[in-house]
Amino acid sequence: MRDSAKAVVQFSPRREPVEAASDLEAYEDLIFEAIERLARIEALTASGRFPAVRRAANDLAGIARRLGLPSLARVAADLATTGDEHAMAAISARLLRLGESCVAAAIAPGPRFR
């Protein structure tokens, strides 16, 4: 991971460790959904389907908020609300770079799960 990517990743861990297996499964499902949305955004941007990019980015923003990834949520929200196709391509590229770092931070072992 590049140093510049490390600087922008913000992870807001849960205040209390997750104790139930169902919570862990729900968290893993959200991570999987975030990965799916990132892949969908990449494919839709490449094909120029910008209205669908906006919808997928809006979905990703909500997922990122639930995961405690505010930087990813903010960039996804930027992508969902921009109207300029050139800006969308640039924001999409930024989102994909950031998404990789954020998802890696979210799945890193830590005190969230015991």
N, C-alpha and C. Protein backbone atom coordinates (compact mmCIF):
# COMPACT_ATOMS: atom_id res chain seq x y z
N MET A 1 0.85 -1.16 0.00
CA MET A 1 0.00 0.00 0.00
C MET A 1 0.90 1.23 0.00
N ARG A 2 0.55 2.21 -0.79
CA ARG A 2 1.33 3.43 -0.86
C ARG A 2 1.10 4.27 0.39
N ASP A 3 2.12 5.08 0.74
CA ASP A 3 2.00 5.95 1.91
C ASP A 3 0.86 6.94 1.76
N SER A 4 0.66 7.47 0.54
CA SER A 4 -0.42 8.44 0.34
C SER A 4 -1.78 7.80 0.59
N ALA A 5 -1.92 6.52 0.26
CA ALA A 5 -3.19 5.84 0.51
C ALA A 5 -3.40 5.64 2.01
N LYS A 6 -2.33 5.39 2.74
CA LYS A 6 -2.45 5.20 4.18
C LYS A 6 -2.94 6.47 4.86
N ALA A 7 -2.54 7.60 4.33
CA ALA A 7 -2.89 8.87 4.94
C ALA A 7 -4.37 9.19 4.83
N VAL A 8 -5.05 8.71 3.80
CA VAL A 8 -6.44 9.07 3.61
C VAL A 8 -7.41 8.05 4.18
N VAL A 9 -6.96 6.88 4.56
CA VAL A 9 -7.85 5.86 5.10
C VAL A 9 -8.20 6.22 6.53
N GLN A 10 -9.47 6.36 6.78
CA GLN A 10 -9.96 6.60 8.12
C GLN A 10 -10.87 5.44 8.47
N PHE A 11 -10.59 4.82 9.58
CA PHE A 11 -11.42 3.71 10.00
C PHE A 11 -11.95 4.04 11.38
N SER A 12 -13.24 4.02 11.54
CA SER A 12 -13.86 4.30 12.82
C SER A 12 -14.37 2.99 13.40
N PRO A 13 -13.54 2.33 14.20
CA PRO A 13 -13.96 1.04 14.73
C PRO A 13 -15.14 1.17 15.67
N ARG A 14 -15.83 0.08 15.82
CA ARG A 14 -16.95 0.05 16.75
C ARG A 14 -16.42 0.31 18.15
N ARG A 15 -17.23 0.92 18.98
CA ARG A 15 -16.79 1.23 20.34
C ARG A 15 -16.68 -0.03 21.19
N GLU A 16 -17.51 -1.00 20.92
CA GLU A 16 -17.51 -2.22 21.70
C GLU A 16 -17.21 -3.40 20.77
N PRO A 17 -16.46 -4.40 21.25
CA PRO A 17 -16.19 -5.57 20.39
C PRO A 17 -17.48 -6.29 20.02
N VAL A 18 -17.50 -6.82 18.83
CA VAL A 18 -18.65 -7.61 18.40
C VAL A 18 -18.54 -8.98 19.03
N GLU A 19 -19.59 -9.43 19.66
CA GLU A 19 -19.51 -10.67 20.41
C GLU A 19 -20.24 -11.81 19.73
N ALA A 20 -21.36 -11.55 19.10
CA ALA A 20 -22.17 -12.62 18.54
C ALA A 20 -21.68 -12.99 17.14
N ALA A 21 -21.75 -14.26 16.82
CA ALA A 21 -21.35 -14.73 15.50
C ALA A 21 -22.19 -14.08 14.41
N SER A 22 -23.46 -13.83 14.70
CA SER A 22 -24.32 -13.21 13.70
C SER A 22 -23.84 -11.80 13.38
N ASP A 23 -23.30 -11.07 14.36
CA ASP A 23 -22.75 -9.74 14.10
C ASP A 23 -21.54 -9.82 13.19
N LEU A 24 -20.70 -10.81 13.42
CA LEU A 24 -19.53 -11.01 12.58
C LEU A 24 -19.95 -11.34 11.15
N GLU A 25 -20.96 -12.19 11.01
CA GLU A 25 -21.46 -12.54 9.69
C GLU A 25 -22.06 -11.34 8.99
N ALA A 26 -22.79 -10.52 9.72
CA ALA A 26 -23.38 -9.31 9.13
C ALA A 26 -22.29 -8.35 8.68
N TYR A 27 -21.24 -8.21 9.48
CA TYR A 27 -20.12 -7.35 9.13
C TYR A 27 -19.43 -7.87 7.86
N GLU A 28 -19.20 -9.18 7.80
CA GLU A 28 -18.58 -9.78 6.61
C GLU A 28 -19.46 -9.58 5.38
N ASP A 29 -20.77 -9.71 5.55
CA ASP A 29 -21.69 -9.50 4.43
C ASP A 29 -21.59 -8.07 3.91
N LEU A 30 -21.49 -7.10 4.83
CA LEU A 30 -21.35 -5.70 4.41
C LEU A 30 -20.04 -5.47 3.65
N ILE A 31 -18.97 -6.08 4.11
CA ILE A 31 -17.69 -5.96 3.40
C ILE A 31 -17.83 -6.54 2.00
N PHE A 32 -18.46 -7.70 1.89
CA PHE A 32 -18.67 -8.32 0.59
C PHE A 32 -19.50 -7.41 -0.32
N GLU A 33 -20.55 -6.80 0.24
CA GLU A 33 -21.39 -5.88 -0.55
C GLU A 33 -20.57 -4.68 -1.02
N ALA A 34 -19.70 -4.17 -0.16
CA ALA A 34 -18.86 -3.03 -0.55
C ALA A 34 -17.94 -3.42 -1.70
N ILE A 35 -17.35 -4.60 -1.62
CA ILE A 35 -16.48 -5.08 -2.69
C ILE A 35 -17.26 -5.23 -3.99
N GLU A 36 -18.47 -5.78 -3.90
CA GLU A 36 -19.31 -5.92 -5.09
C GLU A 36 -19.66 -4.57 -5.70
N ARG A 37 -20.00 -3.59 -4.87
CA ARG A 37 -20.34 -2.26 -5.39
C ARG A 37 -19.13 -1.60 -6.04
N LEU A 38 -17.95 -1.76 -5.45
CA LEU A 38 -16.74 -1.20 -6.05
C LEU A 38 -16.49 -1.81 -7.43
N ALA A 39 -16.65 -3.11 -7.55
CA ALA A 39 -16.46 -3.77 -8.84
C ALA A 39 -17.52 -3.31 -9.84
N ARG A 40 -18.74 -3.15 -9.37
CA ARG A 40 -19.82 -2.67 -10.26
C ARG A 40 -19.55 -1.25 -10.72
N ILE A 41 -19.11 -0.39 -9.82
CA ILE A 41 -18.79 0.99 -10.19
C ILE A 41 -17.68 1.02 -11.22
N GLU A 42 -16.68 0.18 -11.05
CA GLU A 42 -15.58 0.12 -12.02
C GLU A 42 -16.09 -0.28 -13.40
N ALA A 43 -16.93 -1.32 -13.46
CA ALA A 43 -17.45 -1.79 -14.74
C ALA A 43 -18.40 -0.76 -15.38
N LEU A 44 -19.26 -0.17 -14.58
CA LEU A 44 -20.21 0.81 -15.12
C LEU A 44 -19.50 2.07 -15.62
N THR A 45 -18.48 2.51 -14.90
CA THR A 45 -17.72 3.67 -15.34
C THR A 45 -17.03 3.39 -16.66
N ALA A 46 -16.43 2.21 -16.78
CA ALA A 46 -15.73 1.83 -18.00
C ALA A 46 -16.69 1.78 -19.20
N SER A 47 -17.96 1.42 -18.95
CA SER A 47 -18.92 1.33 -20.04
C SER A 47 -19.69 2.64 -20.26
N GLY A 48 -19.41 3.65 -19.42
CA GLY A 48 -20.06 4.95 -19.59
C GLY A 48 -21.49 5.01 -19.13
N ARG A 49 -21.91 4.11 -18.27
CA ARG A 49 -23.30 4.08 -17.78
C ARG A 49 -23.39 4.89 -16.48
N PHE A 50 -23.31 6.22 -16.63
CA PHE A 50 -23.17 7.10 -15.48
C PHE A 50 -24.39 7.18 -14.55
N PRO A 51 -25.62 7.10 -15.04
CA PRO A 51 -26.74 7.07 -14.08
C PRO A 51 -26.68 5.84 -13.16
N ALA A 52 -26.27 4.71 -13.71
CA ALA A 52 -26.12 3.50 -12.89
C ALA A 52 -24.95 3.64 -11.93
N VAL A 53 -23.89 4.35 -12.35
CA VAL A 53 -22.75 4.61 -11.46
C VAL A 53 -23.23 5.40 -10.24
N ARG A 54 -24.06 6.40 -10.48
CA ARG A 54 -24.57 7.23 -9.37
C ARG A 54 -25.35 6.38 -8.36
N ARG A 55 -26.21 5.49 -8.87
CA ARG A 55 -26.99 4.64 -7.96
C ARG A 55 -26.09 3.71 -7.16
N ALA A 56 -25.12 3.08 -7.83
CA ALA A 56 -24.20 2.17 -7.13
C ALA A 56 -23.35 2.92 -6.11
N ALA A 57 -22.94 4.13 -6.46
CA ALA A 57 -22.14 4.94 -5.53
C ALA A 57 -22.97 5.35 -4.32
N ASN A 58 -24.22 5.66 -4.53
CA ASN A 58 -25.11 5.99 -3.41
C ASN A 58 -25.26 4.79 -2.47
N ASP A 59 -25.43 3.60 -3.05
CA ASP A 59 -25.51 2.37 -2.25
C ASP A 59 -24.22 2.17 -1.46
N LEU A 60 -23.08 2.36 -2.13
CA LEU A 60 -21.79 2.16 -1.48
C LEU A 60 -21.59 3.15 -0.34
N ALA A 61 -22.05 4.38 -0.51
CA ALA A 61 -21.91 5.37 0.56
C ALA A 61 -22.61 4.90 1.83
N GLY A 62 -23.81 4.35 1.68
CA GLY A 62 -24.54 3.83 2.84
C GLY A 62 -23.84 2.65 3.48
N ILE A 63 -23.33 1.76 2.66
CA ILE A 63 -22.61 0.58 3.18
C ILE A 63 -21.36 1.02 3.91
N ALA A 64 -20.63 1.96 3.33
CA ALA A 64 -19.38 2.44 3.95
C ALA A 64 -19.66 3.10 5.30
N ARG A 65 -20.77 3.84 5.40
CA ARG A 65 -21.13 4.44 6.68
C ARG A 65 -21.40 3.37 7.73
N ARG A 66 -22.09 2.32 7.31
CA ARG A 66 -22.41 1.23 8.25
C ARG A 66 -21.16 0.48 8.68
N LEU A 67 -20.14 0.44 7.81
CA LEU A 67 -18.89 -0.24 8.13
C LEU A 67 -17.95 0.64 8.97
N GLY A 68 -18.26 1.92 9.09
CA GLY A 68 -17.38 2.81 9.82
C GLY A 68 -16.22 3.30 8.96
N LEU A 69 -16.48 3.52 7.67
CA LEU A 69 -15.46 3.99 6.73
C LEU A 69 -15.88 5.35 6.18
N PRO A 70 -15.71 6.41 6.97
CA PRO A 70 -16.23 7.72 6.56
C PRO A 70 -15.56 8.29 5.31
N SER A 71 -14.28 8.04 5.12
CA SER A 71 -13.62 8.59 3.93
C SER A 71 -14.18 7.94 2.66
N LEU A 72 -14.43 6.64 2.71
CA LEU A 72 -15.01 5.95 1.56
C LEU A 72 -16.44 6.43 1.33
N ALA A 73 -17.19 6.61 2.40
CA ALA A 73 -18.57 7.10 2.28
C ALA A 73 -18.61 8.48 1.65
N ARG A 74 -17.68 9.34 2.04
CA ARG A 74 -17.65 10.71 1.53
C ARG A 74 -17.35 10.74 0.03
N VAL A 75 -16.35 9.96 -0.41
CA VAL A 75 -16.00 9.94 -1.84
C VAL A 75 -17.12 9.30 -2.65
N ALA A 76 -17.73 8.25 -2.12
CA ALA A 76 -18.86 7.61 -2.82
C ALA A 76 -20.02 8.59 -2.94
N ALA A 77 -20.28 9.37 -1.90
CA ALA A 77 -21.35 10.37 -1.96
C ALA A 77 -21.01 11.46 -2.99
N ASP A 78 -19.74 11.85 -3.06
CA ASP A 78 -19.31 12.81 -4.08
C ASP A 78 -19.62 12.28 -5.47
N LEU A 79 -19.31 11.01 -5.69
CA LEU A 79 -19.56 10.40 -6.99
C LEU A 79 -21.05 10.34 -7.30
N ALA A 80 -21.84 10.04 -6.29
CA ALA A 80 -23.29 9.91 -6.49
C ALA A 80 -23.96 11.25 -6.81
N THR A 81 -23.34 12.35 -6.40
CA THR A 81 -24.00 13.64 -6.57
C THR A 81 -23.42 14.50 -7.69
N THR A 82 -22.32 14.10 -8.29
CA THR A 82 -21.74 14.92 -9.35
C THR A 82 -22.50 14.70 -10.66
N GLY A 83 -22.57 15.74 -11.47
CA GLY A 83 -23.28 15.65 -12.74
C GLY A 83 -22.37 15.66 -13.95
N ASP A 84 -21.11 15.96 -13.73
CA ASP A 84 -20.13 16.07 -14.82
C ASP A 84 -19.50 14.70 -15.08
N GLU A 85 -19.63 14.21 -16.30
CA GLU A 85 -19.11 12.87 -16.62
C GLU A 85 -17.60 12.79 -16.50
N HIS A 86 -16.88 13.86 -16.83
CA HIS A 86 -15.42 13.84 -16.69
C HIS A 86 -15.03 13.78 -15.22
N ALA A 87 -15.75 14.54 -14.41
CA ALA A 87 -15.50 14.50 -12.97
C ALA A 87 -15.85 13.12 -12.41
N MET A 88 -16.92 12.52 -12.93
CA MET A 88 -17.31 11.19 -12.46
C MET A 88 -16.21 10.17 -12.72
N ALA A 89 -15.58 10.26 -13.87
CA ALA A 89 -14.50 9.32 -14.18
C ALA A 89 -13.34 9.50 -13.20
N ALA A 90 -13.00 10.75 -12.89
CA ALA A 90 -11.90 11.02 -11.97
C ALA A 90 -12.26 10.59 -10.54
N ILE A 91 -13.48 10.91 -10.11
CA ILE A 91 -13.90 10.54 -8.76
C ILE A 91 -14.01 9.02 -8.64
N SER A 92 -14.47 8.38 -9.69
CA SER A 92 -14.56 6.92 -9.70
C SER A 92 -13.18 6.29 -9.53
N ALA A 93 -12.20 6.81 -10.23
CA ALA A 93 -10.83 6.29 -10.09
C ALA A 93 -10.33 6.48 -8.66
N ARG A 94 -10.61 7.65 -8.10
CA ARG A 94 -10.21 7.92 -6.72
C ARG A 94 -10.92 6.96 -5.76
N LEU A 95 -12.21 6.75 -5.99
CA LEU A 95 -13.00 5.86 -5.14
C LEU A 95 -12.44 4.44 -5.18
N LEU A 96 -12.07 3.97 -6.34
CA LEU A 96 -11.55 2.61 -6.46
C LEU A 96 -10.22 2.46 -5.73
N ARG A 97 -9.35 3.47 -5.84
CA ARG A 97 -8.07 3.42 -5.11
C ARG A 97 -8.31 3.42 -3.60
N LEU A 98 -9.16 4.32 -3.17
CA LEU A 98 -9.46 4.43 -1.74
C LEU A 98 -10.20 3.19 -1.24
N GLY A 99 -11.10 2.68 -2.06
CA GLY A 99 -11.88 1.50 -1.66
C GLY A 99 -11.01 0.31 -1.34
N GLU A 100 -9.97 0.11 -2.13
CA GLU A 100 -9.06 -1.01 -1.88
C GLU A 100 -8.42 -0.87 -0.50
N SER A 101 -7.96 0.33 -0.19
CA SER A 101 -7.31 0.56 1.11
C SER A 101 -8.30 0.44 2.26
N CYS A 102 -9.48 0.99 2.09
CA CYS A 102 -10.48 0.95 3.15
C CYS A 102 -10.97 -0.46 3.43
N VAL A 103 -11.20 -1.22 2.39
CA VAL A 103 -11.65 -2.61 2.59
C VAL A 103 -10.55 -3.41 3.27
N ALA A 104 -9.30 -3.18 2.89
CA ALA A 104 -8.18 -3.87 3.56
C ALA A 104 -8.15 -3.50 5.04
N ALA A 105 -8.39 -2.23 5.37
CA ALA A 105 -8.42 -1.81 6.77
C ALA A 105 -9.59 -2.43 7.51
N ALA A 106 -10.72 -2.57 6.85
CA ALA A 106 -11.91 -3.12 7.49
C ALA A 106 -11.77 -4.61 7.78
N ILE A 107 -11.01 -5.32 6.96
CA ILE A 107 -10.89 -6.77 7.18
C ILE A 107 -9.65 -7.14 7.98
N ALA A 108 -8.81 -6.15 8.29
CA ALA A 108 -7.62 -6.43 9.10
C ALA A 108 -8.07 -6.90 10.47
N PRO A 109 -7.37 -7.92 11.00
CA PRO A 109 -7.74 -8.40 12.33
C PRO A 109 -7.53 -7.30 13.36
N GLY A 110 -8.40 -7.26 14.31
CA GLY A 110 -8.29 -6.24 15.34
C GLY A 110 -9.25 -6.51 16.47
N PRO A 111 -9.41 -5.54 17.36
CA PRO A 111 -10.23 -5.76 18.55
C PRO A 111 -11.72 -5.74 18.31
N ARG A 112 -12.16 -5.55 17.06
CA ARG A 112 -13.60 -5.48 16.80
C ARG A 112 -14.29 -6.80 17.07
N PHE A 113 -13.61 -7.90 16.84
CA PHE A 113 -14.22 -9.21 16.99
C PHE A 113 -13.41 -10.05 17.95
N ARG A 114 -14.09 -10.77 18.81
CA ARG A 114 -13.39 -11.65 19.76
C ARG A 114 -13.96 -13.05 19.65
